[in-house]
């Protein structure tokens, strides 16, 4: 499956962005999806994950209550709505697909990765 992420940019603290990840190539509903982020000098970490149907969602503690992951099966797209952004949210955000139906935040499950989109939050 091929993934194309978009929607990053520069935003002030307290602002919002919505990231999109369009999938193509294989049956989108066969994959659990996740959003990861990687800041300079830090490891890649999952911020949100969603199962095949969109009914099961997990979030990292650092974004819980501020970020929302969702998916539109008809459009083969997964979204990450990011509200109340903080400078520490600054990172490259990547979407990924795992060949399983249940949601997971475990990086090793993800076989397919998009190219990443940069989010910069200014203070």
PDB file of N, CA and C in Angstrom:
ATOM      1  N   UNK A   1       0.842  -1.180   0.000  1.00  0.00           N
ATOM      2  CA  UNK A   1       0.000   0.000   0.000  1.00  0.00           C
ATOM      3  C   UNK A   1       0.884   1.239   0.000  1.00  0.00           C
ATOM      4  N   UNK A   2       0.488   2.244  -0.767  1.00  0.00           N
ATOM      5  CA  UNK A   2       1.236   3.505  -0.818  1.00  0.00           C
ATOM      6  C   UNK A   2       0.495   4.555  -0.001  1.00  0.00           C
ATOM      7  N   UNK A   3       1.260   5.348   0.740  1.00  0.00           N
ATOM      8  CA  UNK A   3       0.679   6.350   1.632  1.00  0.00           C
ATOM      9  C   UNK A   3       1.230   7.719   1.301  1.00  0.00           C
ATOM     10  N   UNK A   4       0.350   8.704   1.268  1.00  0.00           N
ATOM     11  CA  UNK A   4       0.747  10.083   0.970  1.00  0.00           C
ATOM     12  C   UNK A   4       0.172  10.992   2.040  1.00  0.00           C
ATOM     13  N   UNK A   5       1.043  11.542   2.870  1.00  0.00           N
ATOM     14  CA  UNK A   5       0.613  12.424   3.951  1.00  0.00           C
ATOM     15  C   UNK A   5       0.663  13.877   3.514  1.00  0.00           C
ATOM     16  N   UNK A   6      -0.224  14.670   4.089  1.00  0.00           N
ATOM     17  CA  UNK A   6      -0.254  16.105   3.808  1.00  0.00           C
ATOM     18  C   UNK A   6      -0.888  16.841   4.971  1.00  0.00           C
ATOM     19  N   UNK A   7      -0.772  18.164   4.948  1.00  0.00           N
ATOM     20  CA  UNK A   7      -1.449  18.977   5.935  1.00  0.00           C
ATOM     21  C   UNK A   7      -0.572  19.619   6.985  1.00  0.00           C
ATOM     22  N   UNK A   8       0.718  19.320   6.975  1.00  0.00           N
ATOM     23  CA  UNK A   8       1.601  19.944   7.936  1.00  0.00           C
ATOM     24  C   UNK A   8       1.812  21.418   7.650  1.00  0.00           C
ATOM     25  N   UNK A   9       2.473  22.098   8.571  1.00  0.00           N
ATOM     26  CA  UNK A   9       2.742  23.510   8.377  1.00  0.00           C
ATOM     27  C   UNK A   9       3.189  24.167   9.656  1.00  0.00           C
ATOM     28  N   UNK A  10       3.217  25.483   9.624  1.00  0.00           N
ATOM     29  CA  UNK A  10       3.621  26.295  10.772  1.00  0.00           C
ATOM     30  C   UNK A  10       2.372  26.872  11.426  1.00  0.00           C
ATOM     31  N   UNK A  11       2.269  26.684  12.737  1.00  0.00           N
ATOM     32  CA  UNK A  11       1.103  27.174  13.463  1.00  0.00           C
ATOM     33  C   UNK A  11       1.557  27.693  14.821  1.00  0.00           C
ATOM     34  N   UNK A  12       0.833  28.646  15.349  1.00  0.00           N
ATOM     35  CA  UNK A  12       1.157  29.162  16.678  1.00  0.00           C
ATOM     36  C   UNK A  12       0.630  28.223  17.755  1.00  0.00           C
ATOM     37  N   UNK A  13       1.251  28.276  18.902  1.00  0.00           N
ATOM     38  CA  UNK A  13       0.793  27.486  20.038  1.00  0.00           C
ATOM     39  C   UNK A  13      -0.678  27.796  20.321  1.00  0.00           C
ATOM     40  N   UNK A  14      -1.436  26.737  20.593  1.00  0.00           N
ATOM     41  CA  UNK A  14      -2.867  26.883  20.792  1.00  0.00           C
ATOM     42  C   UNK A  14      -3.676  26.707  19.524  1.00  0.00           C
ATOM     43  N   UNK A  15      -3.010  26.673  18.389  1.00  0.00           N
ATOM     44  CA  UNK A  15      -3.689  26.519  17.117  1.00  0.00           C
ATOM     45  C   UNK A  15      -3.997  25.073  16.779  1.00  0.00           C
ATOM     46  N   UNK A  16      -4.434  24.858  15.546  1.00  0.00           N
ATOM     47  CA  UNK A  16      -4.817  23.517  15.133  1.00  0.00           C
ATOM     48  C   UNK A  16      -4.375  23.261  13.701  1.00  0.00           C
ATOM     49  N   UNK A  17      -4.251  21.965  13.405  1.00  0.00           N
ATOM     50  CA  UNK A  17      -3.980  21.481  12.048  1.00  0.00           C
ATOM     51  C   UNK A  17      -4.700  20.164  11.866  1.00  0.00           C
ATOM     52  N   UNK A  18      -4.995  19.831  10.621  1.00  0.00           N
ATOM     53  CA  UNK A  18      -5.518  18.507  10.312  1.00  0.00           C
ATOM     54  C   UNK A  18      -4.619  17.856   9.271  1.00  0.00           C
ATOM     55  N   UNK A  19      -4.056  16.737   9.641  1.00  0.00           N
ATOM     56  CA  UNK A  19      -3.230  15.968   8.723  1.00  0.00           C
ATOM     57  C   UNK A  19      -4.095  14.936   8.011  1.00  0.00           C
ATOM     58  N   UNK A  20      -3.756  14.679   6.772  1.00  0.00           N
ATOM     59  CA  UNK A  20      -4.446  13.663   5.981  1.00  0.00           C
ATOM     60  C   UNK A  20      -3.422  12.676   5.449  1.00  0.00           C
ATOM     61  N   UNK A  21      -3.861  11.444   5.285  1.00  0.00           N
ATOM     62  CA  UNK A  21      -2.999  10.413   4.724  1.00  0.00           C
ATOM     63  C   UNK A  21      -3.848   9.595   3.752  1.00  0.00           C
ATOM     64  N   UNK A  22      -3.564   9.743   2.472  1.00  0.00           N
ATOM     65  CA  UNK A  22      -4.307   9.027   1.442  1.00  0.00           C
ATOM     66  C   UNK A  22      -3.587   7.727   1.103  1.00  0.00           C
ATOM     67  N   UNK A  23      -4.332   6.644   1.099  1.00  0.00           N
ATOM     68  CA  UNK A  23      -3.772   5.321   0.817  1.00  0.00           C
ATOM     69  C   UNK A  23      -4.217   4.837  -0.552  1.00  0.00           C
ATOM     70  N   UNK A  24      -3.346   4.088  -1.186  1.00  0.00           N
ATOM     71  CA  UNK A  24      -3.697   3.502  -2.477  1.00  0.00           C
ATOM     72  C   UNK A  24      -2.967   2.181  -2.625  1.00  0.00           C
ATOM     73  N   UNK A  25      -3.448   1.357  -3.493  1.00  0.00           N
ATOM     74  CA  UNK A  25      -2.751   0.124  -3.842  1.00  0.00           C
ATOM     75  C   UNK A  25      -3.423  -1.143  -3.367  1.00  0.00           C
ATOM     76  N   UNK A  26      -3.807  -1.187  -2.114  1.00  0.00           N
ATOM     77  CA  UNK A  26      -4.439  -2.407  -1.587  1.00  0.00           C
ATOM     78  C   UNK A  26      -5.690  -2.005  -0.816  1.00  0.00           C
ATOM     79  N   UNK A  27      -6.427  -2.991  -0.375  1.00  0.00           N
ATOM     80  CA  UNK A  27      -7.681  -2.728   0.321  1.00  0.00           C
ATOM     81  C   UNK A  27      -7.417  -1.997   1.621  1.00  0.00           C
ATOM     82  N   UNK A  28      -7.824  -0.745   1.656  1.00  0.00           N
ATOM     83  CA  UNK A  28      -7.556   0.125   2.795  1.00  0.00           C
ATOM     84  C   UNK A  28      -8.108  -0.461   4.082  1.00  0.00           C
ATOM     85  N   UNK A  29      -9.275  -1.074   4.005  1.00  0.00           N
ATOM     86  CA  UNK A  29      -9.916  -1.568   5.221  1.00  0.00           C
ATOM     87  C   UNK A  29      -9.221  -2.801   5.789  1.00  0.00           C
ATOM     88  N   UNK A  30      -8.234  -3.353   5.091  1.00  0.00           N
ATOM     89  CA  UNK A  30      -7.494  -4.508   5.607  1.00  0.00           C
ATOM     90  C   UNK A  30      -6.409  -4.103   6.598  1.00  0.00           C
ATOM     91  N   UNK A  31      -6.170  -2.808   6.734  1.00  0.00           N
ATOM     92  CA  UNK A  31      -5.049  -2.321   7.516  1.00  0.00           C
ATOM     93  C   UNK A  31      -5.488  -1.487   8.697  1.00  0.00           C
ATOM     94  N   UNK A  32      -4.821  -1.714   9.817  1.00  0.00           N
ATOM     95  CA  UNK A  32      -4.869  -0.744  10.894  1.00  0.00           C
ATOM     96  C   UNK A  32      -3.932   0.400  10.503  1.00  0.00           C
ATOM     97  N   UNK A  33      -4.237   1.587  10.978  1.00  0.00           N
ATOM     98  CA  UNK A  33      -3.458   2.761  10.603  1.00  0.00           C
ATOM     99  C   UNK A  33      -2.955   3.478  11.851  1.00  0.00           C
ATOM    100  N   UNK A  34      -1.834   4.150  11.674  1.00  0.00           N
ATOM    101  CA  UNK A  34      -1.280   4.904  12.788  1.00  0.00           C
ATOM    102  C   UNK A  34      -0.630   6.188  12.330  1.00  0.00           C
ATOM    103  N   UNK A  35      -0.569   7.142  13.241  1.00  0.00           N
ATOM    104  CA  UNK A  35       0.203   8.365  13.046  1.00  0.00           C
ATOM    105  C   UNK A  35       1.366   8.336  14.035  1.00  0.00           C
ATOM    106  N   UNK A  36       2.532   8.571  13.507  1.00  0.00           N
ATOM    107  CA  UNK A  36       3.742   8.631  14.317  1.00  0.00           C
ATOM    108  C   UNK A  36       4.353  10.023  14.171  1.00  0.00           C
ATOM    109  N   UNK A  37       5.243  10.341  15.091  1.00  0.00           N
ATOM    110  CA  UNK A  37       6.004  11.581  14.938  1.00  0.00           C
ATOM    111  C   UNK A  37       7.432  11.352  15.382  1.00  0.00           C
ATOM    112  N   UNK A  38       8.297  12.133  14.774  1.00  0.00           N
ATOM    113  CA  UNK A  38       9.714  12.050  15.114  1.00  0.00           C
ATOM    114  C   UNK A  38      10.297  13.445  15.121  1.00  0.00           C
ATOM    115  N   UNK A  39      10.786  13.833  16.284  1.00  0.00           N
ATOM    116  CA  UNK A  39      11.458  15.123  16.438  1.00  0.00           C
ATOM    117  C   UNK A  39      12.966  14.901  16.329  1.00  0.00           C
ATOM    118  N   UNK A  40      13.735  15.957  15.996  1.00  0.00           N
ATOM    119  CA  UNK A  40      15.190  15.806  15.885  1.00  0.00           C
ATOM    120  C   UNK A  40      15.804  15.234  17.155  1.00  0.00           C
ATOM    121  N   UNK A  41      16.590  14.188  16.995  1.00  0.00           N
ATOM    122  CA  UNK A  41      17.257  13.579  18.136  1.00  0.00           C
ATOM    123  C   UNK A  41      16.394  12.672  18.978  1.00  0.00           C
ATOM    124  N   UNK A  42      15.154  12.463  18.555  1.00  0.00           N
ATOM    125  CA  UNK A  42      14.253  11.607  19.333  1.00  0.00           C
ATOM    126  C   UNK A  42      13.804  10.423  18.489  1.00  0.00           C
ATOM    127  N   UNK A  43      13.359   9.391  19.172  1.00  0.00           N
ATOM    128  CA  UNK A  43      12.880   8.207  18.480  1.00  0.00           C
ATOM    129  C   UNK A  43      11.485   8.445  17.910  1.00  0.00           C
ATOM    130  N   UNK A  44      11.188   7.701  16.865  1.00  0.00           N
ATOM    131  CA  UNK A  44       9.852   7.749  16.289  1.00  0.00           C
ATOM    132  C   UNK A  44       8.869   7.118  17.272  1.00  0.00           C
ATOM    133  N   UNK A  45       7.748   7.785  17.480  1.00  0.00           N
ATOM    134  CA  UNK A  45       6.770   7.304  18.450  1.00  0.00           C
ATOM    135  C   UNK A  45       5.370   7.461  17.885  1.00  0.00           C
ATOM    136  N   UNK A  46       4.528   6.531  18.260  1.00  0.00           N
ATOM    137  CA  UNK A  46       3.140   6.569  17.815  1.00  0.00           C
ATOM    138  C   UNK A  46       2.362   7.561  18.663  1.00  0.00           C
ATOM    139  N   UNK A  47       1.594   8.412  18.025  1.00  0.00           N
ATOM    140  CA  UNK A  47       0.728   9.328  18.758  1.00  0.00           C
ATOM    141  C   UNK A  47      -0.726   8.894  18.718  1.00  0.00           C
ATOM    142  N   UNK A  48      -1.114   8.153  17.668  1.00  0.00           N
ATOM    143  CA  UNK A  48      -2.501   7.713  17.564  1.00  0.00           C
ATOM    144  C   UNK A  48      -2.583   6.516  16.632  1.00  0.00           C
ATOM    145  N   UNK A  49      -3.520   5.621  16.935  1.00  0.00           N
ATOM    146  CA  UNK A  49      -3.719   4.436  16.108  1.00  0.00           C
ATOM    147  C   UNK A  49      -5.208   4.145  16.019  1.00  0.00           C
ATOM    148  N   UNK A  50      -5.601   3.502  14.919  1.00  0.00           N
ATOM    149  CA  UNK A  50      -7.015   3.240  14.689  1.00  0.00           C
ATOM    150  C   UNK A  50      -7.166   1.884  14.015  1.00  0.00           C
ATOM    151  N   UNK A  51      -8.231   1.180  14.351  1.00  0.00           N
ATOM    152  CA  UNK A  51      -8.431  -0.131  13.752  1.00  0.00           C
ATOM    153  C   UNK A  51      -9.099   0.003  12.379  1.00  0.00           C
ATOM    154  N   UNK A  52      -9.370  -1.125  11.762  1.00  0.00           N
ATOM    155  CA  UNK A  52      -9.839  -1.104  10.385  1.00  0.00           C
ATOM    156  C   UNK A  52     -11.156  -0.369  10.212  1.00  0.00           C
ATOM    157  N   UNK A  53     -12.025  -0.449  11.205  1.00  0.00           N
ATOM    158  CA  UNK A  53     -13.360   0.134  11.061  1.00  0.00           C
ATOM    159  C   UNK A  53     -13.448   1.554  11.612  1.00  0.00           C
ATOM    160  N   UNK A  54     -12.456   1.946  12.397  1.00  0.00           N
ATOM    161  CA  UNK A  54     -12.502   3.264  13.018  1.00  0.00           C
ATOM    162  C   UNK A  54     -13.107   3.272  14.403  1.00  0.00           C
ATOM    163  N   UNK A  55     -13.501   2.119  14.903  1.00  0.00           N
ATOM    164  CA  UNK A  55     -14.194   2.061  16.195  1.00  0.00           C
ATOM    165  C   UNK A  55     -13.238   1.938  17.371  1.00  0.00           C
ATOM    166  N   UNK A  56     -12.025   1.526  17.119  1.00  0.00           N
ATOM    167  CA  UNK A  56     -11.028   1.320  18.167  1.00  0.00           C
ATOM    168  C   UNK A  56      -9.900   2.323  17.941  1.00  0.00           C
ATOM    169  N   UNK A  57      -9.627   3.146  18.940  1.00  0.00           N
ATOM    170  CA  UNK A  57      -8.605   4.186  18.791  1.00  0.00           C
ATOM    171  C   UNK A  57      -7.754   4.242  20.044  1.00  0.00           C
ATOM    172  N   UNK A  58      -6.491   4.460  19.845  1.00  0.00           N
ATOM    173  CA  UNK A  58      -5.552   4.611  20.948  1.00  0.00           C
ATOM    174  C   UNK A  58      -4.767   5.903  20.761  1.00  0.00           C
ATOM    175  N   UNK A  59      -4.373   6.510  21.889  1.00  0.00           N
ATOM    176  CA  UNK A  59      -3.613   7.752  21.841  1.00  0.00           C
ATOM    177  C   UNK A  59      -2.470   7.706  22.835  1.00  0.00           C
ATOM    178  N   UNK A  60      -1.396   8.372  22.472  1.00  0.00           N
ATOM    179  CA  UNK A  60      -0.322   8.591  23.436  1.00  0.00           C
ATOM    180  C   UNK A  60      -0.823   9.549  24.505  1.00  0.00           C
ATOM    181  N   UNK A  61      -0.331   9.373  25.716  1.00  0.00           N
ATOM    182  CA  UNK A  61      -0.768  10.230  26.821  1.00  0.00           C
ATOM    183  C   UNK A  61      -0.526  11.704  26.523  1.00  0.00           C
ATOM    184  N   UNK A  62       0.533  12.003  25.809  1.00  0.00           N
ATOM    185  CA  UNK A  62       0.915  13.391  25.553  1.00  0.00           C
ATOM    186  C   UNK A  62      -0.068  14.122  24.644  1.00  0.00           C
ATOM    187  N   UNK A  63      -0.894  13.371  23.900  1.00  0.00           N
ATOM    188  CA  UNK A  63      -1.820  14.028  22.971  1.00  0.00           C
ATOM    189  C   UNK A  63      -3.282  13.737  23.296  1.00  0.00           C
ATOM    190  N   UNK A  64      -3.510  12.906  24.291  1.00  0.00           N
ATOM    191  CA  UNK A  64      -4.874  12.526  24.632  1.00  0.00           C
ATOM    192  C   UNK A  64      -5.694  13.758  24.967  1.00  0.00           C
ATOM    193  N   UNK A  65      -6.886  13.847  24.388  1.00  0.00           N
ATOM    194  CA  UNK A  65      -7.752  14.992  24.624  1.00  0.00           C
ATOM    195  C   UNK A  65      -7.517  16.152  23.673  1.00  0.00           C
ATOM    196  N   UNK A  66      -6.401  16.107  22.925  1.00  0.00           N
ATOM    197  CA  UNK A  66      -6.094  17.186  21.974  1.00  0.00           C
ATOM    198  C   UNK A  66      -6.108  16.697  20.534  1.00  0.00           C
ATOM    199  N   UNK A  67      -5.711  15.457  20.304  1.00  0.00           N
ATOM    200  CA  UNK A  67      -5.640  14.894  18.955  1.00  0.00           C
ATOM    201  C   UNK A  67      -6.762  13.881  18.773  1.00  0.00           C
ATOM    202  N   UNK A  68      -7.257  13.791  17.538  1.00  0.00           N
ATOM    203  CA  UNK A  68      -8.280  12.802  17.196  1.00  0.00           C
ATOM    204  C   UNK A  68      -7.914  12.141  15.876  1.00  0.00           C
ATOM    205  N   UNK A  69      -7.848  10.820  15.900  1.00  0.00           N
ATOM    206  CA  UNK A  69      -7.593  10.069  14.671  1.00  0.00           C
ATOM    207  C   UNK A  69      -8.920   9.549  14.135  1.00  0.00           C
ATOM    208  N   UNK A  70      -9.059   9.565  12.821  1.00  0.00           N
ATOM    209  CA  UNK A  70     -10.272   9.049  12.194  1.00  0.00           C
ATOM    210  C   UNK A  70      -9.912   8.520  10.814  1.00  0.00           C
ATOM    211  N   UNK A  71     -10.834   7.767  10.235  1.00  0.00           N
ATOM    212  CA  UNK A  71     -10.582   7.256   8.897  1.00  0.00           C
ATOM    213  C   UNK A  71     -11.867   7.263   8.102  1.00  0.00           C
ATOM    214  N   UNK A  72     -11.730   7.492   6.811  1.00  0.00           N
ATOM    215  CA  UNK A  72     -12.836   7.446   5.876  1.00  0.00           C
ATOM    216  C   UNK A  72     -12.524   6.308   4.905  1.00  0.00           C
ATOM    217  N   UNK A  73     -13.215   5.177   5.101  1.00  0.00           N
ATOM    218  CA  UNK A  73     -12.914   3.999   4.290  1.00  0.00           C
ATOM    219  C   UNK A  73     -13.226   4.260   2.820  1.00  0.00           C
ATOM    220  N   UNK A  74     -14.309   4.969   2.543  1.00  0.00           N
ATOM    221  CA  UNK A  74     -14.695   5.242   1.158  1.00  0.00           C
ATOM    222  C   UNK A  74     -13.635   6.063   0.438  1.00  0.00           C
ATOM    223  N   UNK A  75     -12.944   6.939   1.177  1.00  0.00           N
ATOM    224  CA  UNK A  75     -11.915   7.787   0.575  1.00  0.00           C
ATOM    225  C   UNK A  75     -10.515   7.224   0.778  1.00  0.00           C
ATOM    226  N   UNK A  76     -10.412   6.082   1.460  1.00  0.00           N
ATOM    227  CA  UNK A  76      -9.102   5.471   1.743  1.00  0.00           C
ATOM    228  C   UNK A  76      -8.149   6.485   2.373  1.00  0.00           C
ATOM    229  N   UNK A  77      -8.654   7.203   3.332  1.00  0.00           N
ATOM    230  CA  UNK A  77      -7.889   8.285   3.953  1.00  0.00           C
ATOM    231  C   UNK A  77      -8.015   8.208   5.469  1.00  0.00           C
ATOM    232  N   UNK A  78      -6.916   8.466   6.134  1.00  0.00           N
ATOM    233  CA  UNK A  78      -6.909   8.575   7.590  1.00  0.00           C
ATOM    234  C   UNK A  78      -6.502  10.004   7.948  1.00  0.00           C
ATOM    235  N   UNK A  79      -7.087  10.526   9.007  1.00  0.00           N
ATOM    236  CA  UNK A  79      -6.883  11.906   9.408  1.00  0.00           C
ATOM    237  C   UNK A  79      -6.326  11.980  10.827  1.00  0.00           C
ATOM    238  N   UNK A  80      -5.661  13.060  11.104  1.00  0.00           N
ATOM    239  CA  UNK A  80      -5.259  13.378  12.469  1.00  0.00           C
ATOM    240  C   UNK A  80      -5.593  14.839  12.718  1.00  0.00           C
ATOM    241  N   UNK A  81      -6.643  15.053  13.483  1.00  0.00           N
ATOM    242  CA  UNK A  81      -7.020  16.409  13.880  1.00  0.00           C
ATOM    243  C   UNK A  81      -6.227  16.765  15.124  1.00  0.00           C
ATOM    244  N   UNK A  82      -5.469  17.836  15.045  1.00  0.00           N
ATOM    245  CA  UNK A  82      -4.599  18.240  16.151  1.00  0.00           C
ATOM    246  C   UNK A  82      -5.035  19.607  16.643  1.00  0.00           C
ATOM    247  N   UNK A  83      -5.530  19.667  17.861  1.00  0.00           N
ATOM    248  CA  UNK A  83      -5.984  20.906  18.475  1.00  0.00           C
ATOM    249  C   UNK A  83      -5.073  21.285  19.638  1.00  0.00           C
ATOM    250  N   UNK A  84      -5.186  22.519  20.061  1.00  0.00           N
ATOM    251  CA  UNK A  84      -4.407  23.009  21.216  1.00  0.00           C
ATOM    252  C   UNK A  84      -2.937  22.626  21.087  1.00  0.00           C
ATOM    253  N   UNK A  85      -2.383  22.906  19.941  1.00  0.00           N
ATOM    254  CA  UNK A  85      -1.007  22.502  19.677  1.00  0.00           C
ATOM    255  C   UNK A  85      -0.019  23.208  20.581  1.00  0.00           C
ATOM    256  N   UNK A  86       1.038  22.479  20.930  1.00  0.00           N
ATOM    257  CA  UNK A  86       2.080  22.981  21.803  1.00  0.00           C
ATOM    258  C   UNK A  86       3.417  22.941  21.064  1.00  0.00           C
ATOM    259  N   UNK A  87       4.368  23.768  21.476  1.00  0.00           N
ATOM    260  CA  UNK A  87       5.688  23.713  20.820  1.00  0.00           C
ATOM    261  C   UNK A  87       6.305  22.312  20.841  1.00  0.00           C
ATOM    262  N   UNK A  88       6.045  21.555  21.879  1.00  0.00           N
ATOM    263  CA  UNK A  88       6.602  20.204  21.965  1.00  0.00           C
ATOM    264  C   UNK A  88       5.955  19.226  20.989  1.00  0.00           C
ATOM    265  N   UNK A  89       4.914  19.651  20.287  1.00  0.00           N
ATOM    266  CA  UNK A  89       4.325  18.814  19.236  1.00  0.00           C
ATOM    267  C   UNK A  89       5.095  18.946  17.920  1.00  0.00           C
ATOM    268  N   UNK A  90       6.045  19.853  17.876  1.00  0.00           N
ATOM    269  CA  UNK A  90       6.835  20.041  16.668  1.00  0.00           C
ATOM    270  C   UNK A  90       7.592  18.769  16.307  1.00  0.00           C
ATOM    271  N   UNK A  91       7.378  18.298  15.080  1.00  0.00           N
ATOM    272  CA  UNK A  91       7.998  17.046  14.631  1.00  0.00           C
ATOM    273  C   UNK A  91       7.602  16.790  13.184  1.00  0.00           C
ATOM    274  N   UNK A  92       8.254  15.815  12.584  1.00  0.00           N
ATOM    275  CA  UNK A  92       7.772  15.246  11.333  1.00  0.00           C
ATOM    276  C   UNK A  92       6.733  14.182  11.678  1.00  0.00           C
ATOM    277  N   UNK A  93       5.579  14.295  11.080  1.00  0.00           N
ATOM    278  CA  UNK A  93       4.491  13.353  11.333  1.00  0.00           C
ATOM    279  C   UNK A  93       4.388  12.398  10.144  1.00  0.00           C
ATOM    280  N   UNK A  94       4.292  11.121  10.459  1.00  0.00           N
ATOM    281  CA  UNK A  94       4.232  10.091   9.429  1.00  0.00           C
ATOM    282  C   UNK A  94       3.014   9.213   9.657  1.00  0.00           C
ATOM    283  N   UNK A  95       2.358   8.854   8.573  1.00  0.00           N
ATOM    284  CA  UNK A  95       1.292   7.870   8.681  1.00  0.00           C
ATOM    285  C   UNK A  95       1.844   6.511   8.272  1.00  0.00           C
ATOM    286  N   UNK A  96       1.239   5.483   8.810  1.00  0.00           N
ATOM    287  CA  UNK A  96       1.721   4.136   8.548  1.00  0.00           C
ATOM    288  C   UNK A  96       0.563   3.154   8.563  1.00  0.00           C
ATOM    289  N   UNK A  97       0.771   2.028   7.882  1.00  0.00           N
ATOM    290  CA  UNK A  97      -0.248   0.989   7.791  1.00  0.00           C
ATOM    291  C   UNK A  97       0.307  -0.327   8.311  1.00  0.00           C
ATOM    292  N   UNK A  98      -0.508  -1.007   9.112  1.00  0.00           N
ATOM    293  CA  UNK A  98      -0.134  -2.306   9.678  1.00  0.00           C
ATOM    294  C   UNK A  98      -1.069  -3.377   9.108  1.00  0.00           C
ATOM    295  N   UNK A  99      -0.524  -4.525   8.687  1.00  0.00           N
ATOM    296  CA  UNK A  99      -1.352  -5.571   8.085  1.00  0.00           C
ATOM    297  C   UNK A  99      -2.121  -6.376   9.134  1.00  0.00           C
ATOM    298  N   UNK A 100      -3.014  -5.702   9.778  1.00  0.00           N
ATOM    299  CA  UNK A 100      -3.857  -6.311  10.787  1.00  0.00           C
ATOM    300  C   UNK A 100      -5.098  -5.445  10.931  1.00  0.00           C
ATOM    301  N   UNK A 101      -6.147  -5.987  11.516  1.00  0.00           N
ATOM    302  CA  UNK A 101      -7.379  -5.211  11.636  1.00  0.00           C
ATOM    303  C   UNK A 101      -7.485  -4.483  12.970  1.00  0.00           C
ATOM    304  N   UNK A 102      -6.840  -5.023  14.013  1.00  0.00           N
ATOM    305  CA  UNK A 102      -6.909  -4.382  15.328  1.00  0.00           C
ATOM    306  C   UNK A 102      -5.912  -3.237  15.404  1.00  0.00           C
ATOM    307  N   UNK A 103      -6.259  -2.208  16.120  1.00  0.00           N
ATOM    308  CA  UNK A 103      -5.373  -1.064  16.294  1.00  0.00           C
ATOM    309  C   UNK A 103      -4.149  -1.450  17.125  1.00  0.00           C
ATOM    310  N   UNK A 104      -3.027  -0.830  16.841  1.00  0.00           N
ATOM    311  CA  UNK A 104      -1.815  -1.050  17.613  1.00  0.00           C
ATOM    312  C   UNK A 104      -0.952   0.190  17.582  1.00  0.00           C
ATOM    313  N   UNK A 105      -0.266   0.450  18.691  1.00  0.00           N
ATOM    314  CA  UNK A 105       0.682   1.557  18.745  1.00  0.00           C
ATOM    315  C   UNK A 105       2.126   1.050  18.682  1.00  0.00           C
ATOM    316  N   UNK A 106       2.285  -0.223  18.418  1.00  0.00           N
ATOM    317  CA  UNK A 106       3.608  -0.838  18.362  1.00  0.00           C
ATOM    318  C   UNK A 106       4.211  -0.644  16.981  1.00  0.00           C
ATOM    319  N   UNK A 107       5.313   0.076  16.935  1.00  0.00           N
ATOM    320  CA  UNK A 107       5.941   0.445  15.670  1.00  0.00           C
ATOM    321  C   UNK A 107       6.265  -0.776  14.810  1.00  0.00           C
ATOM    322  N   UNK A 108       6.669  -1.858  15.428  1.00  0.00           N
ATOM    323  CA  UNK A 108       7.128  -3.016  14.658  1.00  0.00           C
ATOM    324  C   UNK A 108       6.031  -3.651  13.815  1.00  0.00           C
ATOM    325  N   UNK A 109       4.800  -3.358  14.114  1.00  0.00           N
ATOM    326  CA  UNK A 109       3.698  -3.916  13.330  1.00  0.00           C
ATOM    327  C   UNK A 109       3.532  -3.208  11.979  1.00  0.00           C
ATOM    328  N   UNK A 110       4.073  -1.996  11.871  1.00  0.00           N
ATOM    329  CA  UNK A 110       3.791  -1.176  10.697  1.00  0.00           C
ATOM    330  C   UNK A 110       4.790  -1.460   9.576  1.00  0.00           C
ATOM    331  N   UNK A 111       4.255  -1.889   8.444  1.00  0.00           N
ATOM    332  CA  UNK A 111       5.084  -2.259   7.302  1.00  0.00           C
ATOM    333  C   UNK A 111       5.170  -1.175   6.244  1.00  0.00           C
ATOM    334  N   UNK A 112       4.208  -0.297   6.194  1.00  0.00           N
ATOM    335  CA  UNK A 112       4.134   0.690   5.126  1.00  0.00           C
ATOM    336  C   UNK A 112       4.102   2.084   5.728  1.00  0.00           C
ATOM    337  N   UNK A 113       4.907   2.968   5.133  1.00  0.00           N
ATOM    338  CA  UNK A 113       5.078   4.310   5.678  1.00  0.00           C
ATOM    339  C   UNK A 113       4.919   5.366   4.599  1.00  0.00           C
ATOM    340  N   UNK A 114       4.282   6.483   4.964  1.00  0.00           N
ATOM    341  CA  UNK A 114       4.254   7.641   4.100  1.00  0.00           C
ATOM    342  C   UNK A 114       5.541   8.427   4.239  1.00  0.00           C
ATOM    343  N   UNK A 115       5.626   9.528   3.522  1.00  0.00           N
ATOM    344  CA  UNK A 115       6.872  10.280   3.458  1.00  0.00           C
ATOM    345  C   UNK A 115       7.053  11.277   4.594  1.00  0.00           C
ATOM    346  N   UNK A 116       6.018  11.535   5.355  1.00  0.00           N
ATOM    347  CA  UNK A 116       6.123  12.471   6.467  1.00  0.00           C
ATOM    348  C   UNK A 116       5.748  13.886   6.084  1.00  0.00           C
ATOM    349  N   UNK A 117       5.192  14.592   7.032  1.00  0.00           N
ATOM    350  CA  UNK A 117       4.843  16.000   6.837  1.00  0.00           C
ATOM    351  C   UNK A 117       5.259  16.751   8.097  1.00  0.00           C
ATOM    352  N   UNK A 118       5.895  17.904   7.911  1.00  0.00           N
ATOM    353  CA  UNK A 118       6.476  18.637   9.031  1.00  0.00           C
ATOM    354  C   UNK A 118       5.433  19.527   9.700  1.00  0.00           C
ATOM    355  N   UNK A 119       5.345  19.414  11.000  1.00  0.00           N
ATOM    356  CA  UNK A 119       4.504  20.287  11.813  1.00  0.00           C
ATOM    357  C   UNK A 119       5.413  21.099  12.721  1.00  0.00           C
ATOM    358  N   UNK A 120       5.297  22.407  12.648  1.00  0.00           N
ATOM    359  CA  UNK A 120       6.094  23.306  13.486  1.00  0.00           C
ATOM    360  C   UNK A 120       5.143  24.179  14.283  1.00  0.00           C
ATOM    361  N   UNK A 121       5.276  24.135  15.605  1.00  0.00           N
ATOM    362  CA  UNK A 121       4.428  24.930  16.481  1.00  0.00           C
ATOM    363  C   UNK A 121       5.299  25.979  17.157  1.00  0.00           C
ATOM    364  N   UNK A 122       4.999  27.219  16.899  1.00  0.00           N
ATOM    365  CA  UNK A 122       5.785  28.315  17.479  1.00  0.00           C
ATOM    366  C   UNK A 122       5.163  28.773  18.787  1.00  0.00           C
ATOM    367  N   UNK A 123       6.029  29.229  19.681  1.00  0.00           N
ATOM    368  CA  UNK A 123       5.551  29.664  21.002  1.00  0.00           C
ATOM    369  C   UNK A 123       5.189  31.137  21.011  1.00  0.00           C
TER     370      UNK A 123
END
